């Protein structure tokens, strides 16, 4: 792909129709609900009347590609017998590092991380989508190398391989989920994960009061449970509805694409690309691919060069918010506060 970045924020201003409170940290319940509900309905792209990431978990076509994987309390069910499809989708994510500056030019914390927090009511201190600045040396005057890190949804997932009770499992689409009702808190999966992308709830996780009494959903990991492991889940409920994961739908630079390996298509909400060609033409790589884990996340190499740069500040992760404690009347907490739940790896 050639040309400049797809910037959906002009000089840091939210696009028309976006709820306020995204960049300035002034989050209200109304703004939060508008953000999440609105994101689901507007992130769907259509082509010739068919959703690009259509609401079904099945790809178009009639060829059978393997058997179902049932899981008690999880993503059960066969691919289906409808004439439109018998093939499960194979979700994959692509992150264009040429477009990512960690949102420092917007004078904001990483918006993919913040959106993930809001969408999943992520317990305090956990960053399921974490943006880091790598330690590699950069030429003088060049910006640091910024890298968003979700769960890598490995096909050969060490976490799933070591779980003694089958709490970590693959869905038929290949996404790795955790059944917290089955998890025994042994944390073997955290030790096995080479990417450090799992988190443990030592105490009762702080979440909005109205969430705690909801029926448990293995797709969303809501409500969070004490003594269990949590992580990024690719927002599989949003994918099933034809939307994008919250991080992709909210990225102000359009740096995060969600795609289907079966349909060979991906989108960031603004453009649609042929996935295999997009990866090939841009020299895509998978993080620590030599480990043999076969991640479902690809990166396009870069250091934010497609983002207009005026300064090279450090990431503003200290401005990330987990407003649940404040909403519940227990006081506010930011990224620099304690306690921070354990992160494994």
C-alpha atoms as a PDB file:
ATOM      1  CA  UNK A   1       0.000   0.000   0.000  1.00  0.00           C
ATOM      2  CA  UNK A   2       1.272   3.464  -0.838  1.00  0.00           C
ATOM      3  CA  UNK A   3       0.355   7.005   0.123  1.00  0.00           C
ATOM      4  CA  UNK A   4      -0.057   8.842   3.394  1.00  0.00           C
ATOM      5  CA  UNK A   5      -1.705   7.659   6.592  1.00  0.00           C
ATOM      6  CA  UNK A   6      -5.425   7.384   7.016  1.00  0.00           C
ATOM      7  CA  UNK A   7      -5.841   9.920   9.813  1.00  0.00           C
ATOM      8  CA  UNK A   8      -9.295   9.981  11.301  1.00  0.00           C
ATOM      9  CA  UNK A   9      -8.393  12.759  13.721  1.00  0.00           C
ATOM     10  CA  UNK A  10      -7.413  16.113  12.242  1.00  0.00           C
ATOM     11  CA  UNK A  11      -4.796  17.829  14.418  1.00  0.00           C
ATOM     12  CA  UNK A  12      -5.993  15.913  17.461  1.00  0.00           C
ATOM     13  CA  UNK A  13      -9.682  16.823  17.143  1.00  0.00           C
ATOM     14  CA  UNK A  14     -12.184  13.961  17.383  1.00  0.00           C
ATOM     15  CA  UNK A  15     -14.091  13.199  14.187  1.00  0.00           C
ATOM     16  CA  UNK A  16     -17.603  14.519  13.791  1.00  0.00           C
ATOM     17  CA  UNK A  17     -20.116  12.564  15.819  1.00  0.00           C
ATOM     18  CA  UNK A  18     -17.558  11.062  18.198  1.00  0.00           C
ATOM     19  CA  UNK A  19     -18.480  11.376  21.886  1.00  0.00           C
ATOM     20  CA  UNK A  20     -16.390  13.794  23.860  1.00  0.00           C
ATOM     21  CA  UNK A  21     -14.210  12.606  26.677  1.00  0.00           C
ATOM     22  CA  UNK A  22     -12.009  10.276  24.595  1.00  0.00           C
ATOM     23  CA  UNK A  23      -8.852  12.368  24.520  1.00  0.00           C
ATOM     24  CA  UNK A  24      -9.233  14.623  27.527  1.00  0.00           C
ATOM     25  CA  UNK A  25      -9.844  11.818  30.002  1.00  0.00           C
ATOM     26  CA  UNK A  26     -13.172  13.360  31.076  1.00  0.00           C
ATOM     27  CA  UNK A  27     -15.137  10.128  30.833  1.00  0.00           C
ATOM     28  CA  UNK A  28     -18.786   9.972  31.830  1.00  0.00           C
ATOM     29  CA  UNK A  29     -21.068   6.961  31.813  1.00  0.00           C
ATOM     30  CA  UNK A  30     -23.062   8.473  28.967  1.00  0.00           C
ATOM     31  CA  UNK A  31     -19.919   9.152  26.915  1.00  0.00           C
ATOM     32  CA  UNK A  32     -18.688   5.634  27.637  1.00  0.00           C
ATOM     33  CA  UNK A  33     -21.904   3.961  26.503  1.00  0.00           C
ATOM     34  CA  UNK A  34     -22.118   6.153  23.408  1.00  0.00           C
ATOM     35  CA  UNK A  35     -18.520   5.245  22.598  1.00  0.00           C
ATOM     36  CA  UNK A  36     -19.012   1.491  22.842  1.00  0.00           C
ATOM     37  CA  UNK A  37     -22.490   1.253  21.312  1.00  0.00           C
ATOM     38  CA  UNK A  38     -21.645   3.719  18.572  1.00  0.00           C
ATOM     39  CA  UNK A  39     -18.409   1.910  17.741  1.00  0.00           C
ATOM     40  CA  UNK A  40     -20.242  -1.319  17.156  1.00  0.00           C
ATOM     41  CA  UNK A  41     -22.738   0.176  14.758  1.00  0.00           C
ATOM     42  CA  UNK A  42     -20.403   2.375  12.745  1.00  0.00           C
ATOM     43  CA  UNK A  43     -17.395   0.081  12.365  1.00  0.00           C
ATOM     44  CA  UNK A  44     -19.099  -2.212   9.862  1.00  0.00           C
ATOM     45  CA  UNK A  45     -18.010  -1.841   6.273  1.00  0.00           C
ATOM     46  CA  UNK A  46     -20.124  -3.294   3.512  1.00  0.00           C
ATOM     47  CA  UNK A  47     -19.351  -4.268  -0.017  1.00  0.00           C
ATOM     48  CA  UNK A  48     -21.962  -5.328  -2.555  1.00  0.00           C
ATOM     49  CA  UNK A  49     -24.399  -5.683   0.319  1.00  0.00           C
ATOM     50  CA  UNK A  50     -22.232  -8.140   2.286  1.00  0.00           C
ATOM     51  CA  UNK A  51     -20.491  -7.152   5.516  1.00  0.00           C
ATOM     52  CA  UNK A  52     -16.709  -7.178   5.190  1.00  0.00           C
ATOM     53  CA  UNK A  53     -16.468  -8.732   8.636  1.00  0.00           C
ATOM     54  CA  UNK A  54     -20.037  -9.981   8.455  1.00  0.00           C
ATOM     55  CA  UNK A  55     -22.060 -10.829  11.519  1.00  0.00           C
ATOM     56  CA  UNK A  56     -21.652 -14.573  11.146  1.00  0.00           C
ATOM     57  CA  UNK A  57     -18.608 -16.395  12.457  1.00  0.00           C
ATOM     58  CA  UNK A  58     -18.585 -18.244   9.146  1.00  0.00           C
ATOM     59  CA  UNK A  59     -16.885 -17.366   5.885  1.00  0.00           C
ATOM     60  CA  UNK A  60     -18.642 -17.274   2.530  1.00  0.00           C
ATOM     61  CA  UNK A  61     -18.498 -20.482   0.512  1.00  0.00           C
ATOM     62  CA  UNK A  62     -19.521 -24.081   0.926  1.00  0.00           C
ATOM     63  CA  UNK A  63     -16.269 -25.940   1.491  1.00  0.00           C
ATOM     64  CA  UNK A  64     -15.870 -27.653   4.843  1.00  0.00           C
ATOM     65  CA  UNK A  65     -12.568 -26.749   6.503  1.00  0.00           C
ATOM     66  CA  UNK A  66     -12.344 -28.919   9.558  1.00  0.00           C
ATOM     67  CA  UNK A  67     -14.430 -29.940  12.526  1.00  0.00           C
ATOM     68  CA  UNK A  68     -15.847 -27.931  15.378  1.00  0.00           C
ATOM     69  CA  UNK A  69     -14.139 -27.500  18.712  1.00  0.00           C
ATOM     70  CA  UNK A  70     -16.646 -27.669  21.544  1.00  0.00           C
ATOM     71  CA  UNK A  71     -15.919 -26.285  24.982  1.00  0.00           C
ATOM     72  CA  UNK A  72     -18.150 -26.432  27.994  1.00  0.00           C
ATOM     73  CA  UNK A  73     -19.427 -22.936  28.701  1.00  0.00           C
ATOM     74  CA  UNK A  74     -17.550 -21.593  25.686  1.00  0.00           C
ATOM     75  CA  UNK A  75     -17.879 -21.195  21.948  1.00  0.00           C
ATOM     76  CA  UNK A  76     -19.863 -24.305  21.114  1.00  0.00           C
ATOM     77  CA  UNK A  77     -21.603 -25.206  17.880  1.00  0.00           C
ATOM     78  CA  UNK A  78     -20.756 -26.506  14.467  1.00  0.00           C
ATOM     79  CA  UNK A  79     -19.939 -24.214  11.532  1.00  0.00           C
ATOM     80  CA  UNK A  80     -23.510 -24.589  10.340  1.00  0.00           C
ATOM     81  CA  UNK A  81     -25.329 -26.082   7.424  1.00  0.00           C
ATOM     82  CA  UNK A  82     -26.675 -22.959   5.697  1.00  0.00           C
ATOM     83  CA  UNK A  83     -26.145 -22.628   1.957  1.00  0.00           C
ATOM     84  CA  UNK A  84     -24.095 -19.456   2.427  1.00  0.00           C
ATOM     85  CA  UNK A  85     -21.289 -21.022   4.455  1.00  0.00           C
ATOM     86  CA  UNK A  86     -19.866 -24.054   6.179  1.00  0.00           C
ATOM     87  CA  UNK A  87     -16.388 -22.620   6.796  1.00  0.00           C
ATOM     88  CA  UNK A  88     -15.378 -20.871  10.025  1.00  0.00           C
ATOM     89  CA  UNK A  89     -13.661 -17.552   9.771  1.00  0.00           C
ATOM     90  CA  UNK A  90     -10.001 -17.339  10.782  1.00  0.00           C
ATOM     91  CA  UNK A  91      -9.496 -14.009  12.489  1.00  0.00           C
ATOM     92  CA  UNK A  92      -6.168 -12.189  12.239  1.00  0.00           C
ATOM     93  CA  UNK A  93      -4.904  -8.738  13.166  1.00  0.00           C
ATOM     94  CA  UNK A  94      -2.438  -6.510  11.319  1.00  0.00           C
ATOM     95  CA  UNK A  95      -0.793  -3.519  13.007  1.00  0.00           C
ATOM     96  CA  UNK A  96       0.844  -0.919  10.762  1.00  0.00           C
ATOM     97  CA  UNK A  97       3.760   0.453  12.793  1.00  0.00           C
ATOM     98  CA  UNK A  98       4.285   3.187  10.189  1.00  0.00           C
ATOM     99  CA  UNK A  99       1.061   4.790  11.433  1.00  0.00           C
ATOM    100  CA  UNK A 100       1.573   4.300  15.168  1.00  0.00           C
ATOM    101  CA  UNK A 101       3.082   6.949  17.433  1.00  0.00           C
ATOM    102  CA  UNK A 102       1.394   5.795  20.628  1.00  0.00           C
ATOM    103  CA  UNK A 103      -0.918   8.846  20.276  1.00  0.00           C
ATOM    104  CA  UNK A 104       1.790  11.186  21.628  1.00  0.00           C
ATOM    105  CA  UNK A 105       1.133  13.683  18.808  1.00  0.00           C
ATOM    106  CA  UNK A 106      -2.461  13.855  20.012  1.00  0.00           C
ATOM    107  CA  UNK A 107      -1.201  14.594  23.533  1.00  0.00           C
ATOM    108  CA  UNK A 108      -3.148  11.566  24.698  1.00  0.00           C
ATOM    109  CA  UNK A 109      -2.489   8.127  26.160  1.00  0.00           C
ATOM    110  CA  UNK A 110      -2.625   5.206  23.711  1.00  0.00           C
ATOM    111  CA  UNK A 111      -6.220   5.212  22.577  1.00  0.00           C
ATOM    112  CA  UNK A 112      -6.252   1.516  21.676  1.00  0.00           C
ATOM    113  CA  UNK A 113      -5.422   0.700  25.294  1.00  0.00           C
ATOM    114  CA  UNK A 114      -7.988   3.122  26.668  1.00  0.00           C
ATOM    115  CA  UNK A 115     -10.718   1.832  24.356  1.00  0.00           C
ATOM    116  CA  UNK A 116      -9.932  -1.736  25.409  1.00  0.00           C
ATOM    117  CA  UNK A 117     -10.222  -0.715  29.060  1.00  0.00           C
ATOM    118  CA  UNK A 118     -13.633   0.825  28.497  1.00  0.00           C
ATOM    119  CA  UNK A 119     -15.018  -1.920  26.254  1.00  0.00           C
ATOM    120  CA  UNK A 120     -14.080  -4.792  28.566  1.00  0.00           C
ATOM    121  CA  UNK A 121     -14.167  -3.021  31.946  1.00  0.00           C
ATOM    122  CA  UNK A 122     -10.568  -4.192  32.293  1.00  0.00           C
ATOM    123  CA  UNK A 123      -9.551  -4.505  35.965  1.00  0.00           C
ATOM    124  CA  UNK A 124      -7.371  -1.771  37.367  1.00  0.00           C
ATOM    125  CA  UNK A 125      -3.768  -1.666  36.192  1.00  0.00           C
ATOM    126  CA  UNK A 126      -4.125  -4.322  33.482  1.00  0.00           C
ATOM    127  CA  UNK A 127      -3.366  -3.390  29.864  1.00  0.00           C
ATOM    128  CA  UNK A 128      -4.660  -6.115  27.572  1.00  0.00           C
ATOM    129  CA  UNK A 129      -3.594  -4.018  24.581  1.00  0.00           C
ATOM    130  CA  UNK A 130      -0.312  -2.520  25.754  1.00  0.00           C
ATOM    131  CA  UNK A 131       1.704  -0.012  23.732  1.00  0.00           C
ATOM    132  CA  UNK A 132       5.426  -0.129  24.398  1.00  0.00           C
ATOM    133  CA  UNK A 133       8.493   1.719  23.148  1.00  0.00           C
ATOM    134  CA  UNK A 134      11.231  -0.699  22.190  1.00  0.00           C
ATOM    135  CA  UNK A 135      14.796  -0.345  23.434  1.00  0.00           C
ATOM    136  CA  UNK A 136      16.440  -0.549  20.024  1.00  0.00           C
ATOM    137  CA  UNK A 137      18.609   2.399  19.046  1.00  0.00           C
ATOM    138  CA  UNK A 138      17.153   4.912  16.617  1.00  0.00           C
ATOM    139  CA  UNK A 139      18.986   7.500  14.514  1.00  0.00           C
ATOM    140  CA  UNK A 140      19.415  10.875  16.137  1.00  0.00           C
ATOM    141  CA  UNK A 141      16.293  12.957  15.712  1.00  0.00           C
ATOM    142  CA  UNK A 142      14.142   9.963  14.843  1.00  0.00           C
ATOM    143  CA  UNK A 143      11.122   9.024  16.986  1.00  0.00           C
ATOM    144  CA  UNK A 144      11.219   5.897  19.154  1.00  0.00           C
ATOM    145  CA  UNK A 145       9.846   2.602  17.872  1.00  0.00           C
ATOM    146  CA  UNK A 146       6.294   2.227  19.215  1.00  0.00           C
ATOM    147  CA  UNK A 147       4.591  -1.167  19.270  1.00  0.00           C
ATOM    148  CA  UNK A 148       1.025  -2.086  20.357  1.00  0.00           C
ATOM    149  CA  UNK A 149       0.893  -5.581  21.861  1.00  0.00           C
ATOM    150  CA  UNK A 150      -2.404  -7.473  22.176  1.00  0.00           C
ATOM    151  CA  UNK A 151      -2.674 -11.168  22.910  1.00  0.00           C
ATOM    152  CA  UNK A 152      -1.069 -12.761  19.852  1.00  0.00           C
ATOM    153  CA  UNK A 153      -3.759 -15.462  19.554  1.00  0.00           C
ATOM    154  CA  UNK A 154      -1.179 -18.114  18.705  1.00  0.00           C
ATOM    155  CA  UNK A 155      -2.205 -21.142  16.666  1.00  0.00           C
ATOM    156  CA  UNK A 156       0.356 -23.194  18.609  1.00  0.00           C
ATOM    157  CA  UNK A 157      -0.421 -21.468  21.907  1.00  0.00           C
ATOM    158  CA  UNK A 158       1.879 -22.422  24.817  1.00  0.00           C
ATOM    159  CA  UNK A 159      -0.786 -21.188  27.247  1.00  0.00           C
ATOM    160  CA  UNK A 160      -3.371 -23.633  25.906  1.00  0.00           C
ATOM    161  CA  UNK A 161      -0.809 -26.440  25.747  1.00  0.00           C
ATOM    162  CA  UNK A 162       0.029 -26.242  29.464  1.00  0.00           C
ATOM    163  CA  UNK A 163      -3.383 -25.483  31.000  1.00  0.00           C
ATOM    164  CA  UNK A 164      -4.150 -28.541  33.155  1.00  0.00           C
ATOM    165  CA  UNK A 165      -7.935 -28.038  33.151  1.00  0.00           C
ATOM    166  CA  UNK A 166      -8.619 -26.819  29.622  1.00  0.00           C
ATOM    167  CA  UNK A 167      -9.603 -23.331  30.762  1.00  0.00           C
ATOM    168  CA  UNK A 168      -7.580 -21.820  27.917  1.00  0.00           C
ATOM    169  CA  UNK A 169      -8.893 -23.046  24.578  1.00  0.00           C
ATOM    170  CA  UNK A 170      -9.190 -22.257  20.870  1.00  0.00           C
ATOM    171  CA  UNK A 171     -12.536 -21.353  19.327  1.00  0.00           C
ATOM    172  CA  UNK A 172     -13.441 -22.699  15.889  1.00  0.00           C
ATOM    173  CA  UNK A 173     -12.179 -19.403  14.440  1.00  0.00           C
ATOM    174  CA  UNK A 174      -8.786 -19.895  16.101  1.00  0.00           C
ATOM    175  CA  UNK A 175      -9.149 -17.250  18.787  1.00  0.00           C
ATOM    176  CA  UNK A 176      -7.683 -18.147  22.183  1.00  0.00           C
ATOM    177  CA  UNK A 177     -10.114 -17.566  25.047  1.00  0.00           C
ATOM    178  CA  UNK A 178     -10.107 -18.242  28.789  1.00  0.00           C
ATOM    179  CA  UNK A 179     -12.993 -19.783  30.680  1.00  0.00           C
ATOM    180  CA  UNK A 180     -12.657 -18.126  34.094  1.00  0.00           C
ATOM    181  CA  UNK A 181     -15.283 -20.475  35.521  1.00  0.00           C
ATOM    182  CA  UNK A 182     -12.926 -23.367  34.795  1.00  0.00           C
ATOM    183  CA  UNK A 183      -9.621 -21.559  35.584  1.00  0.00           C
ATOM    184  CA  UNK A 184      -8.030 -22.740  38.860  1.00  0.00           C
ATOM    185  CA  UNK A 185      -5.505 -19.899  39.072  1.00  0.00           C
ATOM    186  CA  UNK A 186      -2.387 -22.045  38.789  1.00  0.00           C
ATOM    187  CA  UNK A 187      -0.797 -19.448  36.451  1.00  0.00           C
ATOM    188  CA  UNK A 188       1.034 -22.049  34.386  1.00  0.00           C
ATOM    189  CA  UNK A 189      -0.291 -20.273  31.300  1.00  0.00           C
ATOM    190  CA  UNK A 190       1.312 -17.027  32.446  1.00  0.00           C
ATOM    191  CA  UNK A 191       4.656 -18.742  32.846  1.00  0.00           C
ATOM    192  CA  UNK A 192       4.309 -20.362  29.415  1.00  0.00           C
ATOM    193  CA  UNK A 193       3.348 -17.212  27.491  1.00  0.00           C
ATOM    194  CA  UNK A 194       6.527 -15.859  25.850  1.00  0.00           C
ATOM    195  CA  UNK A 195       4.863 -12.498  25.162  1.00  0.00           C
ATOM    196  CA  UNK A 196       3.904 -11.537  28.719  1.00  0.00           C
ATOM    197  CA  UNK A 197       0.295 -10.928  27.725  1.00  0.00           C
ATOM    198  CA  UNK A 198      -1.652 -12.507  30.593  1.00  0.00           C
ATOM    199  CA  UNK A 199      -2.845 -10.989  33.854  1.00  0.00           C
ATOM    200  CA  UNK A 200      -3.865 -12.421  37.205  1.00  0.00           C
ATOM    201  CA  UNK A 201      -6.544 -11.155  39.573  1.00  0.00           C
ATOM    202  CA  UNK A 202      -5.117 -11.496  43.062  1.00  0.00           C
ATOM    203  CA  UNK A 203      -8.088  -9.849  44.717  1.00  0.00           C
ATOM    204  CA  UNK A 204     -11.655  -9.018  43.793  1.00  0.00           C
ATOM    205  CA  UNK A 205     -11.323  -7.094  40.505  1.00  0.00           C
ATOM    206  CA  UNK A 206     -12.655  -3.553  40.593  1.00  0.00           C
ATOM    207  CA  UNK A 207     -15.348  -3.174  37.932  1.00  0.00           C
ATOM    208  CA  UNK A 208     -18.536  -1.104  37.695  1.00  0.00           C
ATOM    209  CA  UNK A 209     -21.093  -2.281  40.217  1.00  0.00           C
ATOM    210  CA  UNK A 210     -23.707  -2.959  37.546  1.00  0.00           C
ATOM    211  CA  UNK A 211     -21.294  -5.345  35.795  1.00  0.00           C
ATOM    212  CA  UNK A 212     -20.576  -7.541  38.790  1.00  0.00           C
ATOM    213  CA  UNK A 213     -24.071  -9.050  38.862  1.00  0.00           C
ATOM    214  CA  UNK A 214     -24.196  -9.833  35.134  1.00  0.00           C
ATOM    215  CA  UNK A 215     -24.246 -13.460  33.955  1.00  0.00           C
ATOM    216  CA  UNK A 216     -20.724 -14.597  33.093  1.00  0.00           C
ATOM    217  CA  UNK A 217     -19.801 -14.526  29.391  1.00  0.00           C
ATOM    218  CA  UNK A 218     -16.671 -16.417  28.336  1.00  0.00           C
ATOM    219  CA  UNK A 219     -16.333 -14.230  25.214  1.00  0.00           C
ATOM    220  CA  UNK A 220     -16.098 -10.958  27.143  1.00  0.00           C
ATOM    221  CA  UNK A 221     -14.709 -12.306  30.455  1.00  0.00           C
ATOM    222  CA  UNK A 222     -17.354 -10.250  32.239  1.00  0.00           C
ATOM    223  CA  UNK A 223     -17.668 -10.152  35.152  1.00  0.00           C
ATOM    224  CA  UNK A 224     -14.019 -10.622  36.163  1.00  0.00           C
ATOM    225  CA  UNK A 225     -13.338 -13.234  38.820  1.00  0.00           C
ATOM    226  CA  UNK A 226     -10.877 -13.320  41.688  1.00  0.00           C
ATOM    227  CA  UNK A 227      -8.031 -15.814  41.374  1.00  0.00           C
ATOM    228  CA  UNK A 228      -8.265 -16.156  37.596  1.00  0.00           C
ATOM    229  CA  UNK A 229      -6.245 -15.135  34.540  1.00  0.00           C
ATOM    230  CA  UNK A 230      -7.444 -12.610  31.935  1.00  0.00           C
ATOM    231  CA  UNK A 231      -6.200 -11.231  28.603  1.00  0.00           C
ATOM    232  CA  UNK A 232      -7.113  -9.679  25.247  1.00  0.00           C
ATOM    233  CA  UNK A 233      -9.860 -11.698  23.536  1.00  0.00           C
ATOM    234  CA  UNK A 234      -9.970 -10.012  20.079  1.00  0.00           C
ATOM    235  CA  UNK A 235     -13.451  -8.674  21.009  1.00  0.00           C
ATOM    236  CA  UNK A 236     -15.002 -11.797  19.518  1.00  0.00           C
ATOM    237  CA  UNK A 237     -18.516 -10.614  20.398  1.00  0.00           C
ATOM    238  CA  UNK A 238     -18.009  -7.505  18.272  1.00  0.00           C
ATOM    239  CA  UNK A 239     -16.602  -9.602  15.421  1.00  0.00           C
ATOM    240  CA  UNK A 240     -19.663 -11.848  15.541  1.00  0.00           C
ATOM    241  CA  UNK A 241     -21.845  -8.719  15.218  1.00  0.00           C
ATOM    242  CA  UNK A 242     -19.906  -7.566  12.147  1.00  0.00           C
ATOM    243  CA  UNK A 243     -17.869  -4.893  13.956  1.00  0.00           C
ATOM    244  CA  UNK A 244     -14.198  -4.336  14.683  1.00  0.00           C
ATOM    245  CA  UNK A 245     -12.377  -4.895  17.969  1.00  0.00           C
ATOM    246  CA  UNK A 246     -12.478  -1.785  20.131  1.00  0.00           C
ATOM    247  CA  UNK A 247      -8.782  -1.065  19.613  1.00  0.00           C
ATOM    248  CA  UNK A 248      -9.147  -1.100  15.818  1.00  0.00           C
ATOM    249  CA  UNK A 249     -12.395   0.860  15.797  1.00  0.00           C
ATOM    250  CA  UNK A 250     -10.892   3.580  18.003  1.00  0.00           C
ATOM    251  CA  UNK A 251      -7.329   3.921  16.685  1.00  0.00           C
ATOM    252  CA  UNK A 252      -7.112   7.561  15.536  1.00  0.00           C
ATOM    253  CA  UNK A 253      -4.481   6.698  12.903  1.00  0.00           C
ATOM    254  CA  UNK A 254      -6.172   3.651  11.413  1.00  0.00           C
ATOM    255  CA  UNK A 255      -3.113   1.573  12.276  1.00  0.00           C
ATOM    256  CA  UNK A 256      -4.975  -1.575  13.368  1.00  0.00           C
ATOM    257  CA  UNK A 257      -6.613  -3.837  10.797  1.00  0.00           C
ATOM    258  CA  UNK A 258      -8.819  -6.828  11.495  1.00  0.00           C
ATOM    259  CA  UNK A 259      -9.049  -9.516   8.882  1.00  0.00           C
ATOM    260  CA  UNK A 260     -10.223 -12.985   7.956  1.00  0.00           C
ATOM    261  CA  UNK A 261      -7.575 -15.350   6.604  1.00  0.00           C
ATOM    262  CA  UNK A 262     -10.312 -17.488   5.067  1.00  0.00           C
ATOM    263  CA  UNK A 263     -11.775 -14.595   3.022  1.00  0.00           C
ATOM    264  CA  UNK A 264      -8.300 -13.008   2.580  1.00  0.00           C
ATOM    265  CA  UNK A 265      -9.610  -9.564   3.459  1.00  0.00           C
ATOM    266  CA  UNK A 266      -8.944  -7.002   6.203  1.00  0.00           C
ATOM    267  CA  UNK A 267     -10.120  -3.542   7.203  1.00  0.00           C
ATOM    268  CA  UNK A 268      -9.248  -0.774   9.630  1.00  0.00           C
ATOM    269  CA  UNK A 269     -12.713   0.748   9.345  1.00  0.00           C
ATOM    270  CA  UNK A 270     -11.676   3.174   6.605  1.00  0.00           C
ATOM    271  CA  UNK A 271     -10.132   1.020   3.901  1.00  0.00           C
ATOM    272  CA  UNK A 272     -10.406  -2.581   2.792  1.00  0.00           C
ATOM    273  CA  UNK A 273      -7.329  -4.532   1.696  1.00  0.00           C
ATOM    274  CA  UNK A 274      -6.574  -7.969   0.279  1.00  0.00           C
ATOM    275  CA  UNK A 275      -4.917  -9.453   3.327  1.00  0.00           C
ATOM    276  CA  UNK A 276      -2.270 -11.706   1.747  1.00  0.00           C
ATOM    277  CA  UNK A 277      -1.184  -8.993  -0.691  1.00  0.00           C
ATOM    278  CA  UNK A 278      -1.146  -6.364   2.054  1.00  0.00           C
ATOM    279  CA  UNK A 279       1.176  -8.513   4.151  1.00  0.00           C
ATOM    280  CA  UNK A 280       3.442  -9.463   1.248  1.00  0.00           C
ATOM    281  CA  UNK A 281       3.865  -6.006  -0.263  1.00  0.00           C
ATOM    282  CA  UNK A 282       4.680  -4.387   3.069  1.00  0.00           C
ATOM    283  CA  UNK A 283       7.143  -6.950   4.451  1.00  0.00           C
ATOM    284  CA  UNK A 284       4.930  -8.028   7.337  1.00  0.00           C
ATOM    285  CA  UNK A 285       6.389 -10.017  10.209  1.00  0.00           C
ATOM    286  CA  UNK A 286       5.155 -11.803  13.313  1.00  0.00           C
ATOM    287  CA  UNK A 287       6.718 -11.014  16.686  1.00  0.00           C
ATOM    288  CA  UNK A 288       9.201 -13.669  17.830  1.00  0.00           C
ATOM    289  CA  UNK A 289       8.047 -15.909  15.025  1.00  0.00           C
ATOM    290  CA  UNK A 290      11.067 -18.137  15.571  1.00  0.00           C
ATOM    291  CA  UNK A 291       9.407 -19.548  18.706  1.00  0.00           C
ATOM    292  CA  UNK A 292       7.026 -21.558  16.549  1.00  0.00           C
ATOM    293  CA  UNK A 293       3.878 -20.226  18.241  1.00  0.00           C
ATOM    294  CA  UNK A 294       2.357 -19.096  14.903  1.00  0.00           C
ATOM    295  CA  UNK A 295       0.786 -15.814  16.102  1.00  0.00           C
ATOM    296  CA  UNK A 296      -2.343 -14.479  14.415  1.00  0.00           C
ATOM    297  CA  UNK A 297      -0.997 -10.907  14.719  1.00  0.00           C
ATOM    298  CA  UNK A 298       1.199  -9.410  11.983  1.00  0.00           C
ATOM    299  CA  UNK A 299       3.152  -6.157  12.019  1.00  0.00           C
ATOM    300  CA  UNK A 300       4.095  -3.888   9.143  1.00  0.00           C
ATOM    301  CA  UNK A 301       7.579  -2.542   9.997  1.00  0.00           C
ATOM    302  CA  UNK A 302       7.962   1.134  10.779  1.00  0.00           C
ATOM    303  CA  UNK A 303       8.410   3.745  13.499  1.00  0.00           C
ATOM    304  CA  UNK A 304       5.486   6.086  12.961  1.00  0.00           C
ATOM    305  CA  UNK A 305       6.921   7.730   9.861  1.00  0.00           C
ATOM    306  CA  UNK A 306       3.467   8.213   8.314  1.00  0.00           C
ATOM    307  CA  UNK A 307       2.348  10.274  11.311  1.00  0.00           C
ATOM    308  CA  UNK A 308       3.136  14.027  11.174  1.00  0.00           C
ATOM    309  CA  UNK A 309       5.680  14.448  13.964  1.00  0.00           C
ATOM    310  CA  UNK A 310       6.399  17.636  15.842  1.00  0.00           C
ATOM    311  CA  UNK A 311       7.929  16.158  18.988  1.00  0.00           C
ATOM    312  CA  UNK A 312       9.089  12.786  20.277  1.00  0.00           C
ATOM    313  CA  UNK A 313       7.627  12.589  23.740  1.00  0.00           C
ATOM    314  CA  UNK A 314       7.440   9.485  25.843  1.00  0.00           C
ATOM    315  CA  UNK A 315       4.195   7.548  25.884  1.00  0.00           C
ATOM    316  CA  UNK A 316       1.547   9.123  28.104  1.00  0.00           C
ATOM    317  CA  UNK A 317       0.540   5.857  29.753  1.00  0.00           C
ATOM    318  CA  UNK A 318       0.308   7.623  33.113  1.00  0.00           C
ATOM    319  CA  UNK A 319      -2.927   9.165  31.808  1.00  0.00           C
ATOM    320  CA  UNK A 320      -4.643   5.853  31.191  1.00  0.00           C
ATOM    321  CA  UNK A 321      -7.803   5.478  33.231  1.00  0.00           C
ATOM    322  CA  UNK A 322      -9.715   2.704  34.899  1.00  0.00           C
ATOM    323  CA  UNK A 323     -12.666   4.745  36.164  1.00  0.00           C
ATOM    324  CA  UNK A 324     -14.541   1.886  37.843  1.00  0.00           C
ATOM    325  CA  UNK A 325     -13.366   2.734  41.357  1.00  0.00           C
ATOM    326  CA  UNK A 326     -14.495   6.333  40.944  1.00  0.00           C
ATOM    327  CA  UNK A 327     -17.798   5.267  39.417  1.00  0.00           C
ATOM    328  CA  UNK A 328     -18.378   2.987  42.388  1.00  0.00           C
ATOM    329  CA  UNK A 329     -17.585   5.811  44.803  1.00  0.00           C
ATOM    330  CA  UNK A 330     -14.259   4.380  45.969  1.00  0.00           C
ATOM    331  CA  UNK A 331     -11.956   7.071  44.561  1.00  0.00           C
ATOM    332  CA  UNK A 332     -10.066   7.338  41.267  1.00  0.00           C
ATOM    333  CA  UNK A 333      -7.139   5.302  39.999  1.00  0.00           C
ATOM    334  CA  UNK A 334      -4.699   5.952  37.157  1.00  0.00           C
ATOM    335  CA  UNK A 335      -1.951   3.942  35.551  1.00  0.00           C
ATOM    336  CA  UNK A 336       0.651   4.934  38.115  1.00  0.00           C
ATOM    337  CA  UNK A 337      -1.350   3.885  41.169  1.00  0.00           C
ATOM    338  CA  UNK A 338      -1.101   0.721  43.221  1.00  0.00           C
ATOM    339  CA  UNK A 339      -1.958  -2.054  43.421  1.00  0.00           C
ATOM    340  CA  UNK A 340      -1.235  -3.330  39.917  1.00  0.00           C
ATOM    341  CA  UNK A 341      -2.349  -6.935  39.235  1.00  0.00           C
ATOM    342  CA  UNK A 342       0.367  -9.369  38.329  1.00  0.00           C
ATOM    343  CA  UNK A 343       1.298  -9.711  34.667  1.00  0.00           C
ATOM    344  CA  UNK A 344       2.757 -13.016  33.669  1.00  0.00           C
ATOM    345  CA  UNK A 345       5.274 -14.262  31.178  1.00  0.00           C
END
